[in-house]
Amino acid sequence: MEARTPWLRRVSWLVLIWAASVAALGVVALILHVVMSFAGLTG
């Protein structure tokens, strides 16, 4: 079990960083959408 722990930890960090980056991108897209809506640039 000790041999699998570092691999599992690396994959967990990779998934965590990926999920955080996707969430951050979604927040930025939402903010841009709101700003564009206030500016009258979206239908």
N, C-alpha and C. Protein backbone atom coordinates (compact mmCIF):
# COMPACT_ATOMS: atom_id res chain seq x y z
N MET A 1 0.84 -1.20 0.00
CA MET A 1 0.00 0.00 0.00
C MET A 1 0.87 1.26 0.00
N GLU A 2 2.05 1.19 0.60
CA GLU A 2 2.92 2.36 0.64
C GLU A 2 3.42 2.74 -0.74
N ALA A 3 3.57 1.76 -1.62
CA ALA A 3 4.07 2.05 -2.96
C ALA A 3 3.02 2.80 -3.78
N ARG A 4 1.75 2.62 -3.51
CA ARG A 4 0.69 3.27 -4.28
C ARG A 4 0.35 4.65 -3.75
N THR A 5 0.73 4.96 -2.54
CA THR A 5 0.34 6.22 -1.92
C THR A 5 0.90 7.44 -2.66
N PRO A 6 2.20 7.48 -3.00
CA PRO A 6 2.70 8.67 -3.72
C PRO A 6 2.02 8.86 -5.07
N TRP A 7 1.74 7.77 -5.79
CA TRP A 7 1.07 7.87 -7.09
C TRP A 7 -0.34 8.42 -6.90
N LEU A 8 -1.04 7.89 -5.91
CA LEU A 8 -2.40 8.34 -5.65
C LEU A 8 -2.41 9.80 -5.22
N ARG A 9 -1.43 10.19 -4.44
CA ARG A 9 -1.34 11.59 -3.99
C ARG A 9 -1.08 12.52 -5.17
N ARG A 10 -0.20 12.10 -6.09
CA ARG A 10 0.08 12.93 -7.26
C ARG A 10 -1.15 13.10 -8.14
N VAL A 11 -1.86 12.01 -8.35
CA VAL A 11 -3.06 12.08 -9.17
C VAL A 11 -4.12 12.94 -8.48
N SER A 12 -4.24 12.82 -7.17
CA SER A 12 -5.21 13.63 -6.43
C SER A 12 -4.89 15.11 -6.57
N TRP A 13 -3.61 15.48 -6.46
CA TRP A 13 -3.23 16.88 -6.63
C TRP A 13 -3.52 17.35 -8.04
N LEU A 14 -3.25 16.51 -9.02
CA LEU A 14 -3.51 16.87 -10.41
C LEU A 14 -5.00 17.14 -10.62
N VAL A 15 -5.85 16.26 -10.10
CA VAL A 15 -7.30 16.43 -10.24
C VAL A 15 -7.76 17.67 -9.49
N LEU A 16 -7.21 17.92 -8.31
CA LEU A 16 -7.59 19.10 -7.53
C LEU A 16 -7.22 20.38 -8.26
N ILE A 17 -6.01 20.44 -8.80
CA ILE A 17 -5.57 21.64 -9.53
C ILE A 17 -6.40 21.83 -10.79
N TRP A 18 -6.70 20.73 -11.49
CA TRP A 18 -7.53 20.83 -12.70
C TRP A 18 -8.92 21.35 -12.36
N ALA A 19 -9.53 20.81 -11.31
CA ALA A 19 -10.88 21.25 -10.92
C ALA A 19 -10.87 22.71 -10.49
N ALA A 20 -9.84 23.14 -9.78
CA ALA A 20 -9.76 24.53 -9.36
C ALA A 20 -9.60 25.46 -10.56
N SER A 21 -8.82 25.05 -11.55
CA SER A 21 -8.63 25.89 -12.73
C SER A 21 -9.91 25.97 -13.55
N VAL A 22 -10.64 24.88 -13.66
CA VAL A 22 -11.91 24.89 -14.39
C VAL A 22 -12.92 25.78 -13.66
N ALA A 23 -12.96 25.69 -12.35
CA ALA A 23 -13.87 26.53 -11.57
C ALA A 23 -13.50 28.01 -11.70
N ALA A 24 -12.21 28.32 -11.66
CA ALA A 24 -11.78 29.71 -11.81
C ALA A 24 -12.14 30.24 -13.19
N LEU A 25 -11.96 29.42 -14.22
CA LEU A 25 -12.33 29.84 -15.57
C LEU A 25 -13.83 30.09 -15.67
N GLY A 26 -14.62 29.25 -15.02
CA GLY A 26 -16.06 29.45 -15.01
C GLY A 26 -16.45 30.74 -14.32
N VAL A 27 -15.79 31.07 -13.23
CA VAL A 27 -16.09 32.31 -12.51
C VAL A 27 -15.73 33.52 -13.38
N VAL A 28 -14.59 33.46 -14.05
CA VAL A 28 -14.19 34.56 -14.93
C VAL A 28 -15.19 34.72 -16.08
N ALA A 29 -15.62 33.60 -16.66
CA ALA A 29 -16.60 33.66 -17.74
C ALA A 29 -17.92 34.25 -17.25
N LEU A 30 -18.34 33.87 -16.06
CA LEU A 30 -19.58 34.41 -15.50
C LEU A 30 -19.47 35.92 -15.27
N ILE A 31 -18.35 36.35 -14.74
CA ILE A 31 -18.14 37.78 -14.51
C ILE A 31 -18.15 38.55 -15.82
N LEU A 32 -17.47 38.01 -16.83
CA LEU A 32 -17.47 38.67 -18.14
C LEU A 32 -18.88 38.73 -18.73
N HIS A 33 -19.64 37.68 -18.55
CA HIS A 33 -21.00 37.65 -19.06
C HIS A 33 -21.86 38.71 -18.37
N VAL A 34 -21.73 38.83 -17.07
CA VAL A 34 -22.48 39.85 -16.32
C VAL A 34 -22.08 41.25 -16.76
N VAL A 35 -20.78 41.48 -16.91
CA VAL A 35 -20.31 42.81 -17.33
C VAL A 35 -20.82 43.12 -18.74
N MET A 36 -20.77 42.15 -19.64
CA MET A 36 -21.26 42.38 -20.99
C MET A 36 -22.77 42.62 -21.00
N SER A 37 -23.49 41.94 -20.12
CA SER A 37 -24.94 42.16 -20.05
C SER A 37 -25.25 43.58 -19.58
N PHE A 38 -24.51 44.05 -18.58
CA PHE A 38 -24.72 45.43 -18.10
C PHE A 38 -24.38 46.44 -19.18
N ALA A 39 -23.40 46.11 -20.02
CA ALA A 39 -22.98 47.03 -21.08
C ALA A 39 -23.89 46.95 -22.30
N GLY A 40 -24.82 46.00 -22.30
CA GLY A 40 -25.75 45.85 -23.41
C GLY A 40 -25.16 45.14 -24.61
N LEU A 41 -24.12 44.33 -24.39
CA LEU A 41 -23.45 43.65 -25.50
C LEU A 41 -23.99 42.26 -25.77
N THR A 42 -24.87 41.76 -24.91
CA THR A 42 -25.46 40.44 -25.14
C THR A 42 -26.97 40.58 -25.33
N GLY A 43 -27.51 39.68 -26.09
CA GLY A 43 -28.94 39.73 -26.36
C GLY A 43 -29.70 38.98 -25.33
